[in-house]
Amino acid sequence: MQCPSCSARLVSELVGGQALEACTSCEGHFASHSALRGILLAQAEVRPSATYSRPSPLSDPVRYRKCPACGEPMQRKNFAGASGVVLDVCPEHGLWFDRGELATIMTFAATGAWHRAEHDASERRQAKKHLDAFMQEIQIGVPRAGSALSGAGDVARLIPLDWPTVGKGKRQ
């Protein structure tokens, strides 16, 4: 594989017991999703002793790179949505780390910030699921038992159709 940053040949390297592809020229790394997860889980077992200092995601120029495995353009994503490190991600093959980014992400995991970010993301997904269900109930008008709207239909049926509107008398 070739480096997506400087086109040098990537060489295999072990980091945290996981095989990554490294560029000896620009010092970037390419990691599969499973290898990165292994590295982060090992780092997360380290007792948090420091706080994470989030870097500015705006400090580097925006560059779109191609995946060294398949050649498709990678997506740019803020790792874990909260790290401040914007990585190049191929959904199928892995992630590209520019020089220093892998070490920053390892610190992110070692301080416990990765677990907090994962927990917060899980809570946001759950809240979105509840909100989506609530919005669907409003649109359909058929609340499920135990929901915030259950019983609202019963109340609506008690209101007579000729109920006067405010200041207008009877409905037209």
Protein backbone atom coordinates (compact mmCIF):
# COMPACT_ATOMS: atom_id res chain seq x y z
CA MET A 1 0.00 0.00 0.00
CA GLN A 2 1.02 3.58 -0.57
CA CYS A 3 0.71 6.46 1.90
CA PRO A 4 -2.36 8.59 1.10
CA SER A 5 -0.47 11.66 2.28
CA CYS A 6 2.96 11.47 0.63
CA SER A 7 2.73 8.36 -1.63
CA ALA A 8 5.64 6.57 0.12
CA ARG A 9 5.34 2.82 0.61
CA LEU A 10 3.64 1.81 3.87
CA VAL A 11 5.34 -0.76 6.11
CA SER A 12 3.79 -3.00 8.75
CA GLU A 13 4.36 -1.97 12.36
CA LEU A 14 3.03 -3.20 15.69
CA VAL A 15 1.40 -0.58 17.89
CA GLY A 16 -0.13 -1.69 21.17
CA GLY A 17 0.02 -5.30 19.97
CA GLN A 18 -1.94 -4.48 16.79
CA ALA A 19 -0.62 -4.53 13.22
CA LEU A 20 -0.84 -1.15 11.49
CA GLU A 21 0.58 0.23 8.27
CA ALA A 22 3.05 3.05 8.88
CA CYS A 23 4.68 5.65 6.67
CA THR A 24 8.35 6.14 7.52
CA SER A 25 8.39 9.37 5.49
CA CYS A 26 5.51 11.44 6.95
CA GLU A 27 4.99 9.29 10.09
CA GLY A 28 1.30 8.66 9.41
CA HIS A 29 -0.48 5.41 10.23
CA PHE A 30 -3.28 3.39 8.66
CA ALA A 31 -5.27 1.15 11.02
CA SER A 32 -8.13 -1.23 10.37
CA HIS A 33 -11.22 -0.61 12.46
CA SER A 34 -10.60 -3.76 14.51
CA ALA A 35 -6.91 -2.95 15.11
CA LEU A 36 -7.79 0.55 16.32
CA ARG A 37 -10.47 -0.84 18.64
CA GLY A 38 -7.89 -3.25 20.10
CA ILE A 39 -5.43 -0.40 20.70
CA LEU A 40 -8.09 1.79 22.32
CA LEU A 41 -9.42 -0.97 24.56
CA ALA A 42 -5.88 -1.64 25.79
CA GLN A 43 -5.35 2.08 26.42
CA ALA A 44 -8.70 2.40 28.18
CA GLU A 45 -7.55 -0.18 30.74
CA VAL A 46 -4.79 2.21 31.79
CA ARG A 47 -5.87 4.05 34.93
CA PRO A 48 -6.87 7.58 33.97
CA SER A 49 -4.28 9.87 35.49
CA ALA A 50 -4.68 13.01 33.43
CA THR A 51 -7.39 14.97 31.74
CA TYR A 52 -7.72 15.09 27.98
CA SER A 53 -6.85 18.37 26.31
CA ARG A 54 -8.91 18.53 23.14
CA PRO A 55 -7.00 19.89 20.13
CA SER A 56 -8.66 22.29 17.74
CA PRO A 57 -10.03 20.43 14.72
CA LEU A 58 -9.45 23.61 12.71
CA SER A 59 -5.68 23.66 13.19
CA ASP A 60 -4.84 21.68 10.04
CA PRO A 61 -5.84 22.40 6.44
CA VAL A 62 -8.66 20.28 5.02
CA ARG A 63 -7.37 17.55 2.71
CA TYR A 64 -9.37 14.67 1.30
CA ARG A 65 -7.31 11.51 0.94
CA LYS A 66 -7.87 8.18 -0.77
CA CYS A 67 -7.95 4.93 1.15
CA PRO A 68 -4.60 3.15 0.72
CA ALA A 69 -6.47 -0.20 0.53
CA CYS A 70 -9.18 0.54 -2.07
CA GLY A 71 -8.36 3.99 -3.50
CA GLU A 72 -11.81 5.42 -2.70
CA PRO A 73 -12.00 8.92 -1.14
CA MET A 74 -12.14 8.75 2.64
CA GLN A 75 -14.58 10.68 4.81
CA ARG A 76 -13.31 13.21 7.35
CA LYS A 77 -14.72 12.63 10.83
CA ASN A 78 -14.09 13.97 14.31
CA PHE A 79 -13.04 10.78 16.09
CA ALA A 80 -15.73 9.65 18.57
CA GLY A 81 -17.50 12.94 17.85
CA ALA A 82 -15.66 14.62 20.72
CA SER A 83 -11.89 14.11 20.40
CA GLY A 84 -11.12 17.17 18.29
CA VAL A 85 -9.01 14.93 16.02
CA VAL A 86 -10.40 14.83 12.48
CA LEU A 87 -9.42 11.56 10.84
CA ASP A 88 -9.75 10.23 7.32
CA VAL A 89 -12.06 7.21 7.44
CA CYS A 90 -12.77 4.47 4.93
CA PRO A 91 -15.94 2.76 6.19
CA GLU A 92 -14.73 -0.59 4.85
CA HIS A 93 -10.99 -0.64 5.50
CA GLY A 94 -9.91 1.70 8.30
CA LEU A 95 -8.62 5.08 9.38
CA TRP A 96 -5.67 7.27 8.42
CA PHE A 97 -3.80 9.09 11.19
CA ASP A 98 -1.50 11.98 10.33
CA ARG A 99 1.66 12.36 12.39
CA GLY A 100 0.83 12.61 16.10
CA GLU A 101 -2.90 11.86 15.73
CA LEU A 102 -2.64 8.21 16.78
CA ALA A 103 -0.81 9.21 19.98
CA THR A 104 -3.47 11.84 20.67
CA ILE A 105 -6.26 9.28 20.22
CA MET A 106 -4.43 6.85 22.51
CA THR A 107 -4.30 9.58 25.17
CA PHE A 108 -8.00 10.24 24.52
CA ALA A 109 -8.68 6.59 25.41
CA ALA A 110 -6.23 6.40 28.34
CA THR A 111 -7.80 9.39 30.12
CA GLY A 112 -11.28 7.87 29.95
CA ALA A 113 -12.50 10.50 27.48
CA TRP A 114 -13.18 7.83 24.83
CA HIS A 115 -15.48 5.86 27.14
CA ARG A 116 -17.30 9.07 28.12
CA ALA A 117 -17.70 10.03 24.45
CA GLU A 118 -19.04 6.53 23.61
CA HIS A 119 -21.48 6.73 26.55
CA ASP A 120 -22.66 10.21 25.53
CA ALA A 121 -23.12 9.09 21.91
CA SER A 122 -25.16 6.11 23.09
CA GLU A 123 -27.38 8.38 25.17
CA ARG A 124 -27.87 10.73 22.18
CA ARG A 125 -28.84 7.79 19.94
CA GLN A 126 -31.35 6.58 22.56
CA ALA A 127 -32.83 10.07 22.98
CA LYS A 128 -33.12 10.44 19.19
CA LYS A 129 -34.89 7.07 18.98
CA HIS A 130 -37.42 8.22 21.62
CA LEU A 131 -37.91 11.56 19.88
CA ASP A 132 -38.40 9.87 16.50
CA ALA A 133 -41.01 7.51 18.00
CA PHE A 134 -42.78 10.45 19.66
CA MET A 135 -42.83 12.41 16.40
CA GLN A 136 -44.19 9.39 14.55
CA GLU A 137 -46.99 9.08 17.12
CA ILE A 138 -47.88 12.72 16.59
CA GLN A 139 -47.92 12.33 12.79
CA ILE A 140 -49.92 9.08 12.82
CA GLY A 141 -52.15 10.10 15.69
CA VAL A 142 -52.07 6.64 17.23
CA PRO A 143 -50.02 6.65 20.43
CA ARG A 144 -48.73 3.36 21.81
CA ALA A 145 -49.70 2.27 25.31
CA GLY A 146 -47.59 3.92 27.99
CA SER A 147 -46.30 6.68 25.72
CA ALA A 148 -46.51 10.38 26.48
CA LEU A 149 -49.54 10.63 24.18
CA SER A 150 -51.42 7.56 25.37
CA GLY A 151 -54.80 8.65 26.63
CA ALA A 152 -54.75 11.82 24.53
CA GLY A 153 -57.18 10.21 22.05
CA ASP A 154 -59.56 9.38 24.90
CA VAL A 155 -59.49 12.99 26.05
CA ALA A 156 -60.07 14.24 22.49
CA ARG A 157 -63.11 11.97 22.09
CA LEU A 158 -64.70 13.60 25.18
CA ILE A 159 -64.70 17.01 23.52
CA PRO A 160 -67.94 17.51 21.59
CA LEU A 161 -67.64 18.39 17.92
CA ASP A 162 -69.69 21.54 18.51
CA TRP A 163 -67.32 22.72 21.27
CA PRO A 164 -67.14 26.52 21.07
CA THR A 165 -63.84 28.02 20.03
CA VAL A 166 -62.51 30.93 22.05
CA GLY A 167 -64.32 34.13 21.18
CA LYS A 168 -66.07 32.65 18.15
CA GLY A 169 -69.10 30.82 19.60
CA LYS A 170 -69.79 27.53 17.90
CA ARG A 171 -67.54 25.97 15.25
CA GLN A 172 -68.58 26.59 11.66
